[in-house]
PDB file of all heavy atoms in Angstrom:
ATOM      1  N   PRO A   1      -0.404   0.724 -18.669  1.00  0.00           N
ATOM      2  CA  PRO A   1      -0.039  -0.359 -19.624  1.00  0.00           C
ATOM      3  C   PRO A   1      -1.226  -0.567 -20.639  1.00  0.00           C
ATOM      4  O   PRO A   1      -2.349  -0.336 -20.274  1.00  0.00           O
ATOM      5  CB  PRO A   1       0.076  -1.577 -18.727  1.00  0.00           C
ATOM      6  CG  PRO A   1      -0.051  -1.118 -17.343  1.00  0.00           C
ATOM      7  CD  PRO A   1      -0.499   0.330 -17.331  1.00  0.00           C
ATOM      8  N   LYS A   2      -0.868  -0.861 -21.845  1.00  0.00           N
ATOM      9  CA  LYS A   2      -1.825  -1.057 -22.886  1.00  0.00           C
ATOM     10  C   LYS A   2      -1.772  -2.474 -23.473  1.00  0.00           C
ATOM     11  O   LYS A   2      -0.716  -3.044 -23.496  1.00  0.00           O
ATOM     12  CB  LYS A   2      -1.600   0.027 -24.016  1.00  0.00           C
ATOM     13  CG  LYS A   2      -1.786   1.368 -23.605  1.00  0.00           C
ATOM     14  CD  LYS A   2      -1.400   2.318 -24.699  1.00  0.00           C
ATOM     15  CE  LYS A   2      -1.617   3.768 -24.287  1.00  0.00           C
ATOM     16  NZ  LYS A   2      -0.685   4.224 -23.267  1.00  0.00           N
ATOM     17  N   GLY A   3      -2.853  -2.978 -23.785  1.00  0.00           N
ATOM     18  CA  GLY A   3      -2.929  -4.289 -24.500  1.00  0.00           C
ATOM     19  C   GLY A   3      -2.321  -5.432 -23.839  1.00  0.00           C
ATOM     20  O   GLY A   3      -2.716  -5.748 -22.713  1.00  0.00           O
ATOM     21  N   THR A   4      -1.363  -6.051 -24.470  1.00  0.00           N
ATOM     22  CA  THR A   4      -0.790  -7.218 -24.052  1.00  0.00           C
ATOM     23  C   THR A   4       0.144  -7.003 -22.808  1.00  0.00           C
ATOM     24  O   THR A   4       0.295  -7.956 -22.038  1.00  0.00           O
ATOM     25  CB  THR A   4       0.058  -7.972 -25.084  1.00  0.00           C
ATOM     26  OG1 THR A   4       1.081  -7.028 -25.551  1.00  0.00           O
ATOM     27  CG2 THR A   4      -0.775  -8.385 -26.202  1.00  0.00           C
ATOM     28  N   LEU A   5       0.609  -5.817 -22.561  1.00  0.00           N
ATOM     29  CA  LEU A   5       1.412  -5.599 -21.409  1.00  0.00           C
ATOM     30  C   LEU A   5       0.615  -5.771 -20.104  1.00  0.00           C
ATOM     31  O   LEU A   5       1.125  -6.359 -19.233  1.00  0.00           O
ATOM     32  CB  LEU A   5       1.918  -4.137 -21.432  1.00  0.00           C
ATOM     33  CG  LEU A   5       3.085  -3.852 -22.317  1.00  0.00           C
ATOM     34  CD1 LEU A   5       3.476  -2.367 -22.257  1.00  0.00           C
ATOM     35  CD2 LEU A   5       4.360  -4.664 -21.870  1.00  0.00           C
ATOM     36  N   LEU A   6      -0.583  -5.385 -20.114  1.00  0.00           N
ATOM     37  CA  LEU A   6      -1.461  -5.553 -18.950  1.00  0.00           C
ATOM     38  C   LEU A   6      -1.756  -7.021 -18.662  1.00  0.00           C
ATOM     39  O   LEU A   6      -1.667  -7.543 -17.619  1.00  0.00           O
ATOM     40  CB  LEU A   6      -2.710  -4.739 -19.006  1.00  0.00           C
ATOM     41  CG  LEU A   6      -3.648  -4.771 -17.835  1.00  0.00           C
ATOM     42  CD1 LEU A   6      -2.871  -4.238 -16.588  1.00  0.00           C
ATOM     43  CD2 LEU A   6      -4.875  -3.956 -18.126  1.00  0.00           C
ATOM     44  N   THR A   7      -2.074  -7.755 -19.699  1.00  0.00           N
ATOM     45  CA  THR A   7      -2.361  -9.212 -19.526  1.00  0.00           C
ATOM     46  C   THR A   7      -0.999  -9.916 -19.199  1.00  0.00           C
ATOM     47  O   THR A   7      -1.109 -10.855 -18.361  1.00  0.00           O
ATOM     48  CB  THR A   7      -2.914  -9.768 -20.908  1.00  0.00           C
ATOM     49  OG1 THR A   7      -2.002  -9.588 -21.957  1.00  0.00           O
ATOM     50  CG2 THR A   7      -4.299  -9.232 -21.224  1.00  0.00           C
ATOM     51  N   GLU A   8       0.081  -9.559 -19.709  1.00  0.00           N
ATOM     52  CA  GLU A   8       1.337 -10.241 -19.270  1.00  0.00           C
ATOM     53  C   GLU A   8       1.570  -9.943 -17.788  1.00  0.00           C
ATOM     54  O   GLU A   8       2.024 -10.767 -17.003  1.00  0.00           O
ATOM     55  CB  GLU A   8       2.521  -9.705 -20.119  1.00  0.00           C
ATOM     56  CG  GLU A   8       2.702 -10.317 -21.449  1.00  0.00           C
ATOM     57  CD  GLU A   8       3.982  -9.843 -22.095  1.00  0.00           C
ATOM     58  OE1 GLU A   8       4.562  -8.858 -21.659  1.00  0.00           O
ATOM     59  OE2 GLU A   8       4.317 -10.468 -23.154  1.00  0.00           O
ATOM     60  N   ALA A   9       1.380  -8.702 -17.353  1.00  0.00           N
ATOM     61  CA  ALA A   9       1.517  -8.369 -15.981  1.00  0.00           C
ATOM     62  C   ALA A   9       0.673  -9.188 -15.079  1.00  0.00           C
ATOM     63  O   ALA A   9       1.056  -9.608 -14.015  1.00  0.00           O
ATOM     64  CB  ALA A   9       1.375  -6.904 -15.774  1.00  0.00           C
ATOM     65  N   ILE A  10      -0.608  -9.375 -15.424  1.00  0.00           N
ATOM     66  CA  ILE A  10      -1.502 -10.134 -14.640  1.00  0.00           C
ATOM     67  C   ILE A  10      -1.095 -11.551 -14.648  1.00  0.00           C
ATOM     68  O   ILE A  10      -1.183 -12.210 -13.519  1.00  0.00           O
ATOM     69  CB  ILE A  10      -2.947  -9.856 -15.132  1.00  0.00           C
ATOM     70  CG1 ILE A  10      -3.387  -8.440 -14.854  1.00  0.00           C
ATOM     71  CG2 ILE A  10      -3.873 -10.851 -14.419  1.00  0.00           C
ATOM     72  CD1 ILE A  10      -4.625  -8.019 -15.511  1.00  0.00           C
ATOM     73  N   ARG A  11      -0.723 -12.119 -15.718  1.00  0.00           N
ATOM     74  CA  ARG A  11      -0.260 -13.510 -15.788  1.00  0.00           C
ATOM     75  C   ARG A  11       0.933 -13.832 -14.993  1.00  0.00           C
ATOM     76  O   ARG A  11       1.084 -14.811 -14.399  1.00  0.00           O
ATOM     77  CB  ARG A  11      -0.054 -13.887 -17.270  1.00  0.00           C
ATOM     78  CG  ARG A  11       0.307 -15.314 -17.511  1.00  0.00           C
ATOM     79  CD  ARG A  11       0.473 -15.637 -18.979  1.00  0.00           C
ATOM     80  NE  ARG A  11       1.470 -14.740 -19.632  1.00  0.00           N
ATOM     81  CZ  ARG A  11       2.764 -15.042 -19.600  1.00  0.00           C
ATOM     82  NH1 ARG A  11       3.252 -16.008 -19.014  1.00  0.00           N
ATOM     83  NH2 ARG A  11       3.627 -14.179 -20.309  1.00  0.00           N
ATOM     84  N   LEU A  12       1.834 -12.833 -14.801  1.00  0.00           N
ATOM     85  CA  LEU A  12       3.143 -13.024 -14.097  1.00  0.00           C
ATOM     86  C   LEU A  12       2.932 -12.867 -12.561  1.00  0.00           C
ATOM     87  O   LEU A  12       3.850 -13.041 -11.824  1.00  0.00           O
ATOM     88  CB  LEU A  12       4.104 -12.060 -14.627  1.00  0.00           C
ATOM     89  CG  LEU A  12       4.636 -12.301 -15.962  1.00  0.00           C
ATOM     90  CD1 LEU A  12       5.580 -11.179 -16.370  1.00  0.00           C
ATOM     91  CD2 LEU A  12       5.356 -13.646 -16.035  1.00  0.00           C
ATOM     92  N   LEU A  13       1.784 -12.298 -12.069  1.00  0.00           N
ATOM     93  CA  LEU A  13       1.617 -11.965 -10.720  1.00  0.00           C
ATOM     94  C   LEU A  13       2.002 -13.056  -9.724  1.00  0.00           C
ATOM     95  O   LEU A  13       2.732 -12.824  -8.777  1.00  0.00           O
ATOM     96  CB  LEU A  13       0.201 -11.484 -10.489  1.00  0.00           C
ATOM     97  CG  LEU A  13      -0.083 -10.907  -9.083  1.00  0.00           C
ATOM     98  CD1 LEU A  13       0.917  -9.648  -8.832  1.00  0.00           C
ATOM     99  CD2 LEU A  13      -1.493 -10.487  -8.993  1.00  0.00           C
ATOM    100  N   PRO A  14       1.495 -14.303  -9.834  1.00  0.00           N
ATOM    101  CA  PRO A  14       1.944 -15.338  -8.794  1.00  0.00           C
ATOM    102  C   PRO A  14       3.449 -15.547  -8.763  1.00  0.00           C
ATOM    103  O   PRO A  14       3.966 -15.644  -7.730  1.00  0.00           O
ATOM    104  CB  PRO A  14       1.201 -16.616  -9.250  1.00  0.00           C
ATOM    105  CG  PRO A  14       0.077 -16.077 -10.200  1.00  0.00           C
ATOM    106  CD  PRO A  14       0.572 -14.855 -10.732  1.00  0.00           C
ATOM    107  N   ASP A  15       4.034 -15.645  -9.947  1.00  0.00           N
ATOM    108  CA  ASP A  15       5.482 -15.811  -9.952  1.00  0.00           C
ATOM    109  C   ASP A  15       6.300 -14.686  -9.446  1.00  0.00           C
ATOM    110  O   ASP A  15       7.300 -14.796  -8.748  1.00  0.00           O
ATOM    111  CB  ASP A  15       6.000 -16.076 -11.434  1.00  0.00           C
ATOM    112  CG  ASP A  15       5.612 -17.505 -11.886  1.00  0.00           C
ATOM    113  OD1 ASP A  15       5.346 -18.380 -11.093  1.00  0.00           O
ATOM    114  OD2 ASP A  15       5.510 -17.684 -13.120  1.00  0.00           O
ATOM    115  N   LEU A  16       5.737 -13.500  -9.689  1.00  0.00           N
ATOM    116  CA  LEU A  16       6.344 -12.230  -9.124  1.00  0.00           C
ATOM    117  C   LEU A  16       6.244 -12.201  -7.670  1.00  0.00           C
ATOM    118  O   LEU A  16       7.302 -11.813  -7.078  1.00  0.00           O
ATOM    119  CB  LEU A  16       5.670 -11.027  -9.806  1.00  0.00           C
ATOM    120  CG  LEU A  16       6.282  -9.629  -9.485  1.00  0.00           C
ATOM    121  CD1 LEU A  16       7.708  -9.639  -9.956  1.00  0.00           C
ATOM    122  CD2 LEU A  16       5.466  -8.581 -10.079  1.00  0.00           C
ATOM    123  N   VAL A  17       5.171 -12.623  -7.079  1.00  0.00           N
ATOM    124  CA  VAL A  17       5.062 -12.561  -5.623  1.00  0.00           C
ATOM    125  C   VAL A  17       6.052 -13.540  -4.981  1.00  0.00           C
ATOM    126  O   VAL A  17       6.796 -13.220  -3.963  1.00  0.00           O
ATOM    127  CB  VAL A  17       3.659 -12.896  -5.201  1.00  0.00           C
ATOM    128  CG1 VAL A  17       3.489 -13.106  -3.652  1.00  0.00           C
ATOM    129  CG2 VAL A  17       2.676 -11.755  -5.627  1.00  0.00           C
ATOM    130  N   ARG A  18       6.224 -14.756  -5.601  1.00  0.00           N
ATOM    131  CA  ARG A  18       7.249 -15.728  -5.108  1.00  0.00           C
ATOM    132  C   ARG A  18       8.636 -15.129  -5.255  1.00  0.00           C
ATOM    133  O   ARG A  18       9.471 -15.325  -4.395  1.00  0.00           O
ATOM    134  CB  ARG A  18       7.033 -17.033  -5.782  1.00  0.00           C
ATOM    135  CG  ARG A  18       5.929 -17.799  -5.312  1.00  0.00           C
ATOM    136  CD  ARG A  18       5.920 -19.099  -5.899  1.00  0.00           C
ATOM    137  NE  ARG A  18       5.650 -19.044  -7.350  1.00  0.00           N
ATOM    138  CZ  ARG A  18       4.772 -19.589  -8.055  1.00  0.00           C
ATOM    139  NH1 ARG A  18       3.936 -20.467  -7.493  1.00  0.00           N
ATOM    140  NH2 ARG A  18       4.595 -19.374  -9.404  1.00  0.00           N
ATOM    141  N   LEU A  19       8.915 -14.516  -6.361  1.00  0.00           N
ATOM    142  CA  LEU A  19      10.265 -13.830  -6.591  1.00  0.00           C
ATOM    143  C   LEU A  19      10.505 -12.816  -5.539  1.00  0.00           C
ATOM    144  O   LEU A  19      11.691 -12.903  -4.979  1.00  0.00           O
ATOM    145  CB  LEU A  19      10.271 -13.227  -8.006  1.00  0.00           C
ATOM    146  CG  LEU A  19      11.551 -12.369  -8.293  1.00  0.00           C
ATOM    147  CD1 LEU A  19      12.708 -13.286  -8.425  1.00  0.00           C
ATOM    148  CD2 LEU A  19      11.321 -11.542  -9.555  1.00  0.00           C
ATOM    149  N   LEU A  20       9.648 -11.997  -5.302  1.00  0.00           N
ATOM    150  CA  LEU A  20       9.861 -10.924  -4.227  1.00  0.00           C
ATOM    151  C   LEU A  20      10.203 -11.546  -2.860  1.00  0.00           C
ATOM    152  O   LEU A  20      11.092 -11.104  -2.161  1.00  0.00           O
ATOM    153  CB  LEU A  20       8.760  -9.977  -4.268  1.00  0.00           C
ATOM    154  CG  LEU A  20       8.449  -9.167  -5.458  1.00  0.00           C
ATOM    155  CD1 LEU A  20       7.137  -8.347  -5.228  1.00  0.00           C
ATOM    156  CD2 LEU A  20       9.619  -8.282  -5.820  1.00  0.00           C
ATOM    157  N   ARG A  21       9.360 -12.556  -2.522  1.00  0.00           N
ATOM    158  CA  ARG A  21       9.578 -13.226  -1.192  1.00  0.00           C
ATOM    159  C   ARG A  21      10.930 -13.922  -1.189  1.00  0.00           C
ATOM    160  O   ARG A  21      11.700 -13.776  -0.216  1.00  0.00           O
ATOM    161  CB  ARG A  21       8.443 -14.253  -1.005  1.00  0.00           C
ATOM    162  CG  ARG A  21       8.554 -14.872   0.387  1.00  0.00           C
ATOM    163  CD  ARG A  21       7.347 -15.901   0.632  1.00  0.00           C
ATOM    164  NE  ARG A  21       7.135 -16.773  -0.473  1.00  0.00           N
ATOM    165  CZ  ARG A  21       7.798 -17.922  -0.777  1.00  0.00           C
ATOM    166  NH1 ARG A  21       8.790 -18.259   0.002  1.00  0.00           N
ATOM    167  NH2 ARG A  21       7.452 -18.687  -1.791  1.00  0.00           N
ATOM    168  N   ARG A  22      11.360 -14.556  -2.296  1.00  0.00           N
ATOM    169  CA  ARG A  22      12.633 -15.299  -2.276  1.00  0.00           C
ATOM    170  C   ARG A  22      13.798 -14.245  -2.174  1.00  0.00           C
ATOM    171  O   ARG A  22      14.870 -14.487  -1.508  1.00  0.00           O
ATOM    172  CB  ARG A  22      12.696 -16.055  -3.548  1.00  0.00           C
ATOM    173  CG  ARG A  22      11.842 -17.342  -3.510  1.00  0.00           C
ATOM    174  CD  ARG A  22      11.995 -18.069  -4.786  1.00  0.00           C
ATOM    175  NE  ARG A  22      11.142 -19.292  -4.874  1.00  0.00           N
ATOM    176  CZ  ARG A  22      11.078 -20.040  -5.863  1.00  0.00           C
ATOM    177  NH1 ARG A  22      11.767 -19.906  -6.954  1.00  0.00           N
ATOM    178  NH2 ARG A  22      10.281 -21.149  -5.727  1.00  0.00           N
ATOM    179  N   LEU A  23      13.628 -13.150  -2.954  1.00  0.00           N
ATOM    180  CA  LEU A  23      14.716 -12.162  -2.874  1.00  0.00           C
ATOM    181  C   LEU A  23      14.833 -11.501  -1.564  1.00  0.00           C
ATOM    182  O   LEU A  23      15.954 -11.304  -1.066  1.00  0.00           O
ATOM    183  CB  LEU A  23      14.488 -11.100  -3.986  1.00  0.00           C
ATOM    184  CG  LEU A  23      14.735 -11.470  -5.459  1.00  0.00           C
ATOM    185  CD1 LEU A  23      14.160 -10.455  -6.365  1.00  0.00           C
ATOM    186  CD2 LEU A  23      16.171 -11.755  -5.706  1.00  0.00           C
ATOM    187  N   ALA A  24      13.752 -11.287  -0.933  1.00  0.00           N
ATOM    188  CA  ALA A  24      13.740 -10.543   0.420  1.00  0.00           C
ATOM    189  C   ALA A  24      14.396 -11.497   1.476  1.00  0.00           C
ATOM    190  O   ALA A  24      14.969 -11.070   2.476  1.00  0.00           O
ATOM    191  CB  ALA A  24      12.339 -10.177   0.867  1.00  0.00           C
ATOM    192  N   ALA A  25      14.253 -12.832   1.251  1.00  0.00           N
ATOM    193  CA  ALA A  25      14.780 -13.784   2.193  1.00  0.00           C
ATOM    194  C   ALA A  25      16.256 -14.170   1.941  1.00  0.00           C
ATOM    195  O   ALA A  25      16.879 -14.846   2.772  1.00  0.00           O
ATOM    196  CB  ALA A  25      13.901 -15.080   2.204  1.00  0.00           C
ATOM    197  N   ASP A  26      16.776 -13.776   0.840  1.00  0.00           N
ATOM    198  CA  ASP A  26      18.148 -14.090   0.423  1.00  0.00           C
ATOM    199  C   ASP A  26      19.153 -13.313   1.240  1.00  0.00           C
ATOM    200  O   ASP A  26      19.279 -12.066   1.013  1.00  0.00           O
ATOM    201  CB  ASP A  26      18.322 -13.880  -1.024  1.00  0.00           C
ATOM    202  CG  ASP A  26      19.685 -14.371  -1.549  1.00  0.00           C
ATOM    203  OD1 ASP A  26      20.604 -14.709  -0.706  1.00  0.00           O
ATOM    204  OD2 ASP A  26      19.914 -14.350  -2.741  1.00  0.00           O
ATOM    205  N   ARG A  27      19.895 -13.861   2.157  1.00  0.00           N
ATOM    206  CA  ARG A  27      20.818 -13.196   3.029  1.00  0.00           C
ATOM    207  C   ARG A  27      22.090 -12.742   2.338  1.00  0.00           C
ATOM    208  O   ARG A  27      22.882 -11.962   2.828  1.00  0.00           O
ATOM    209  CB  ARG A  27      21.176 -14.017   4.216  1.00  0.00           C
ATOM    210  CG  ARG A  27      20.031 -14.363   5.129  1.00  0.00           C
ATOM    211  CD  ARG A  27      19.772 -13.174   6.011  1.00  0.00           C
ATOM    212  NE  ARG A  27      18.722 -13.497   6.934  1.00  0.00           N
ATOM    213  CZ  ARG A  27      18.040 -12.574   7.596  1.00  0.00           C
ATOM    214  NH1 ARG A  27      18.346 -11.340   7.476  1.00  0.00           N
ATOM    215  NH2 ARG A  27      17.121 -12.954   8.393  1.00  0.00           N
ATOM    216  N   THR A  28      22.305 -13.239   1.091  1.00  0.00           N
ATOM    217  CA  THR A  28      23.439 -12.792   0.420  1.00  0.00           C
ATOM    218  C   THR A  28      23.355 -11.474  -0.381  1.00  0.00           C
ATOM    219  O   THR A  28      24.351 -10.928  -0.722  1.00  0.00           O
ATOM    220  CB  THR A  28      23.870 -13.914  -0.725  1.00  0.00           C
ATOM    221  OG1 THR A  28      22.797 -14.008  -1.649  1.00  0.00           O
ATOM    222  CG2 THR A  28      24.147 -15.289  -0.087  1.00  0.00           C
ATOM    223  N   LEU A  29      22.049 -11.045  -0.433  1.00  0.00           N
ATOM    224  CA  LEU A  29      21.887  -9.769  -1.048  1.00  0.00           C
ATOM    225  C   LEU A  29      22.108  -8.677  -0.008  1.00  0.00           C
ATOM    226  O   LEU A  29      21.983  -8.870   1.220  1.00  0.00           O
ATOM    227  CB  LEU A  29      20.332  -9.625  -1.554  1.00  0.00           C
ATOM    228  CG  LEU A  29      19.991 -10.532  -2.658  1.00  0.00           C
ATOM    229  CD1 LEU A  29      18.536 -10.346  -2.966  1.00  0.00           C
ATOM    230  CD2 LEU A  29      20.801 -10.263  -3.902  1.00  0.00           C
ATOM    231  N   PRO A  30      22.554  -7.513  -0.460  1.00  0.00           N
ATOM    232  CA  PRO A  30      22.762  -6.384   0.434  1.00  0.00           C
ATOM    233  C   PRO A  30      21.499  -6.070   1.240  1.00  0.00           C
ATOM    234  O   PRO A  30      20.417  -6.206   0.785  1.00  0.00           O
ATOM    235  CB  PRO A  30      23.159  -5.223  -0.480  1.00  0.00           C
ATOM    236  CG  PRO A  30      23.556  -5.801  -1.766  1.00  0.00           C
ATOM    237  CD  PRO A  30      22.797  -7.084  -1.852  1.00  0.00           C
ATOM    238  N   ARG A  31      21.728  -5.597   2.484  1.00  0.00           N
ATOM    239  CA  ARG A  31      20.637  -5.262   3.363  1.00  0.00           C
ATOM    240  C   ARG A  31      19.723  -4.221   2.783  1.00  0.00           C
ATOM    241  O   ARG A  31      18.504  -4.286   2.909  1.00  0.00           O
ATOM    242  CB  ARG A  31      21.146  -4.857   4.737  1.00  0.00           C
ATOM    243  CG  ARG A  31      20.056  -4.385   5.695  1.00  0.00           C
ATOM    244  CD  ARG A  31      20.572  -4.007   6.988  1.00  0.00           C
ATOM    245  NE  ARG A  31      20.727  -5.270   7.720  1.00  0.00           N
ATOM    246  CZ  ARG A  31      21.364  -5.303   8.853  1.00  0.00           C
ATOM    247  NH1 ARG A  31      21.871  -4.370   9.458  1.00  0.00           N
ATOM    248  NH2 ARG A  31      21.463  -6.561   9.425  1.00  0.00           N
ATOM    249  N   ALA A  32      20.265  -3.223   2.156  1.00  0.00           N
ATOM    250  CA  ALA A  32      19.442  -2.189   1.552  1.00  0.00           C
ATOM    251  C   ALA A  32      18.472  -2.753   0.559  1.00  0.00           C
ATOM    252  O   ALA A  32      17.256  -2.295   0.430  1.00  0.00           O
ATOM    253  CB  ALA A  32      20.291  -1.128   0.902  1.00  0.00           C
ATOM    254  N   VAL A  33      18.841  -3.755  -0.258  1.00  0.00           N
ATOM    255  CA  VAL A  33      18.070  -4.346  -1.236  1.00  0.00           C
ATOM    256  C   VAL A  33      16.879  -5.109  -0.438  1.00  0.00           C
ATOM    257  O   VAL A  33      15.702  -5.043  -0.904  1.00  0.00           O
ATOM    258  CB  VAL A  33      18.856  -5.347  -2.175  1.00  0.00           C
ATOM    259  CG1 VAL A  33      17.918  -6.161  -2.904  1.00  0.00           C
ATOM    260  CG2 VAL A  33      19.789  -4.557  -3.001  1.00  0.00           C
ATOM    261  N   ARG A  34      17.229  -5.881   0.535  1.00  0.00           N
ATOM    262  CA  ARG A  34      16.200  -6.589   1.270  1.00  0.00           C
ATOM    263  C   ARG A  34      15.168  -5.721   1.948  1.00  0.00           C
ATOM    264  O   ARG A  34      14.035  -6.024   2.027  1.00  0.00           O
ATOM    265  CB  ARG A  34      16.874  -7.540   2.241  1.00  0.00           C
ATOM    266  CG  ARG A  34      17.705  -8.652   1.615  1.00  0.00           C
ATOM    267  CD  ARG A  34      18.108  -9.778   2.494  1.00  0.00           C
ATOM    268  NE  ARG A  34      18.486  -9.364   3.883  1.00  0.00           N
ATOM    269  CZ  ARG A  34      19.661  -9.096   4.300  1.00  0.00           C
ATOM    270  NH1 ARG A  34      20.744  -9.265   3.460  1.00  0.00           N
ATOM    271  NH2 ARG A  34      19.906  -8.740   5.588  1.00  0.00           N
ATOM    272  N   VAL A  35      15.642  -4.575   2.400  1.00  0.00           N
ATOM    273  CA  VAL A  35      14.719  -3.597   3.031  1.00  0.00           C
ATOM    274  C   VAL A  35      13.797  -3.052   2.017  1.00  0.00           C
ATOM    275  O   VAL A  35      12.579  -2.964   2.296  1.00  0.00           O
ATOM    276  CB  VAL A  35      15.603  -2.499   3.715  1.00  0.00           C
ATOM    277  CG1 VAL A  35      14.621  -1.330   4.128  1.00  0.00           C
ATOM    278  CG2 VAL A  35      16.257  -3.003   4.943  1.00  0.00           C
ATOM    279  N   ARG A  36      14.362  -2.716   0.915  1.00  0.00           N
ATOM    280  CA  ARG A  36      13.388  -2.177  -0.224  1.00  0.00           C
ATOM    281  C   ARG A  36      12.371  -3.190  -0.546  1.00  0.00           C
ATOM    282  O   ARG A  36      11.191  -2.904  -0.782  1.00  0.00           O
ATOM    283  CB  ARG A  36      14.299  -1.852  -1.544  1.00  0.00           C
ATOM    284  CG  ARG A  36      14.947  -0.528  -1.355  1.00  0.00           C
ATOM    285  CD  ARG A  36      15.625  -0.247  -2.813  1.00  0.00           C
ATOM    286  NE  ARG A  36      16.767   0.601  -2.440  1.00  0.00           N
ATOM    287  CZ  ARG A  36      18.001   0.354  -2.789  1.00  0.00           C
ATOM    288  NH1 ARG A  36      18.279  -0.781  -3.386  1.00  0.00           N
ATOM    289  NH2 ARG A  36      19.035   1.149  -2.541  1.00  0.00           N
ATOM    290  N   LEU A  37      12.775  -4.472  -0.693  1.00  0.00           N
ATOM    291  CA  LEU A  37      11.831  -5.450  -1.073  1.00  0.00           C
ATOM    292  C   LEU A  37      10.795  -5.677   0.064  1.00  0.00           C
ATOM    293  O   LEU A  37       9.634  -5.872  -0.221  1.00  0.00           O
ATOM    294  CB  LEU A  37      12.585  -6.810  -1.345  1.00  0.00           C
ATOM    295  CG  LEU A  37      13.384  -6.833  -2.622  1.00  0.00           C
ATOM    296  CD1 LEU A  37      14.422  -7.947  -2.566  1.00  0.00           C
ATOM    297  CD2 LEU A  37      12.454  -6.854  -3.833  1.00  0.00           C
ATOM    298  N   GLY A  38      11.248  -5.637   1.310  1.00  0.00           N
ATOM    299  CA  GLY A  38      10.307  -5.760   2.395  1.00  0.00           C
ATOM    300  C   GLY A  38       9.280  -4.609   2.399  1.00  0.00           C
ATOM    301  O   GLY A  38       8.087  -4.898   2.631  1.00  0.00           O
ATOM    302  N   LEU A  39       9.712  -3.426   2.117  1.00  0.00           N
ATOM    303  CA  LEU A  39       8.930  -2.253   2.227  1.00  0.00           C
ATOM    304  C   LEU A  39       7.896  -2.310   0.980  1.00  0.00           C
ATOM    305  O   LEU A  39       6.689  -1.954   1.066  1.00  0.00           O
ATOM    306  CB  LEU A  39       9.697  -0.953   2.054  1.00  0.00           C
ATOM    307  CG  LEU A  39      10.454  -0.548   3.355  1.00  0.00           C
ATOM    308  CD1 LEU A  39      11.341   0.623   3.047  1.00  0.00           C
ATOM    309  CD2 LEU A  39       9.425  -0.260   4.439  1.00  0.00           C
ATOM    310  N   GLN A  40       8.356  -2.851  -0.160  1.00  0.00           N
ATOM    311  CA  GLN A  40       7.519  -3.059  -1.283  1.00  0.00           C
ATOM    312  C   GLN A  40       6.407  -4.072  -0.988  1.00  0.00           C
ATOM    313  O   GLN A  40       5.241  -3.799  -1.268  1.00  0.00           O
ATOM    314  CB  GLN A  40       8.299  -3.498  -2.520  1.00  0.00           C
ATOM    315  CG  GLN A  40       7.375  -3.700  -3.688  1.00  0.00           C
ATOM    316  CD  GLN A  40       8.148  -4.355  -4.839  1.00  0.00           C
ATOM    317  OE1 GLN A  40       9.317  -4.701  -4.751  1.00  0.00           O
ATOM    318  NE2 GLN A  40       7.471  -4.512  -5.920  1.00  0.00           N
ATOM    319  N   MET A  41       6.769  -5.149  -0.358  1.00  0.00           N
ATOM    320  CA  MET A  41       5.747  -6.137  -0.044  1.00  0.00           C
ATOM    321  C   MET A  41       4.753  -5.606   0.971  1.00  0.00           C
ATOM    322  O   MET A  41       3.570  -5.924   0.859  1.00  0.00           O
ATOM    323  CB  MET A  41       6.408  -7.480   0.470  1.00  0.00           C
ATOM    324  CG  MET A  41       7.123  -8.270  -0.661  1.00  0.00           C
ATOM    325  SD  MET A  41       7.715  -9.823  -0.228  1.00  0.00           S
ATOM    326  CE  MET A  41       8.972  -9.431   1.018  1.00  0.00           C
ATOM    327  N   PHE A  42       5.226  -4.834   1.946  1.00  0.00           N
ATOM    328  CA  PHE A  42       4.347  -4.194   2.850  1.00  0.00           C
ATOM    329  C   PHE A  42       3.364  -3.249   2.199  1.00  0.00           C
ATOM    330  O   PHE A  42       2.169  -3.327   2.423  1.00  0.00           O
ATOM    331  CB  PHE A  42       5.145  -3.395   3.910  1.00  0.00           C
ATOM    332  CG  PHE A  42       4.335  -2.680   4.898  1.00  0.00           C
ATOM    333  CD1 PHE A  42       3.682  -3.343   5.905  1.00  0.00           C
ATOM    334  CD2 PHE A  42       4.276  -1.258   4.800  1.00  0.00           C
ATOM    335  CE1 PHE A  42       2.892  -2.593   6.857  1.00  0.00           C
ATOM    336  CE2 PHE A  42       3.475  -0.570   5.743  1.00  0.00           C
ATOM    337  CZ  PHE A  42       2.817  -1.315   6.748  1.00  0.00           C
ATOM    338  N   TYR A  43       3.830  -2.458   1.235  1.00  0.00           N
ATOM    339  CA  TYR A  43       2.993  -1.551   0.524  1.00  0.00           C
ATOM    340  C   TYR A  43       1.911  -2.305  -0.302  1.00  0.00           C
ATOM    341  O   TYR A  43       0.844  -2.011  -0.357  1.00  0.00           O
ATOM    342  CB  TYR A  43       3.842  -0.640  -0.417  1.00  0.00           C
ATOM    343  CG  TYR A  43       2.938   0.204  -1.275  1.00  0.00           C
ATOM    344  CD1 TYR A  43       2.304   1.279  -0.845  1.00  0.00           C
ATOM    345  CD2 TYR A  43       2.701  -0.139  -2.709  1.00  0.00           C
ATOM    346  CE1 TYR A  43       1.466   2.095  -1.641  1.00  0.00           C
ATOM    347  CE2 TYR A  43       1.909   0.607  -3.467  1.00  0.00           C
ATOM    348  CZ  TYR A  43       1.288   1.732  -2.890  1.00  0.00           C
ATOM    349  OH  TYR A  43       0.414   2.451  -3.724  1.00  0.00           O
TER     350      TYR A  43
END
């Protein structure tokens, strides 16, 4: 990432972590999606 893309990504980090946690906990999403999100958070 160059210039403002990197600063935007850093600024969004707290909201992004909450988004990933909320999506992984949503039982209405397909199991495969929740597994991907869980593996991503683990990584």
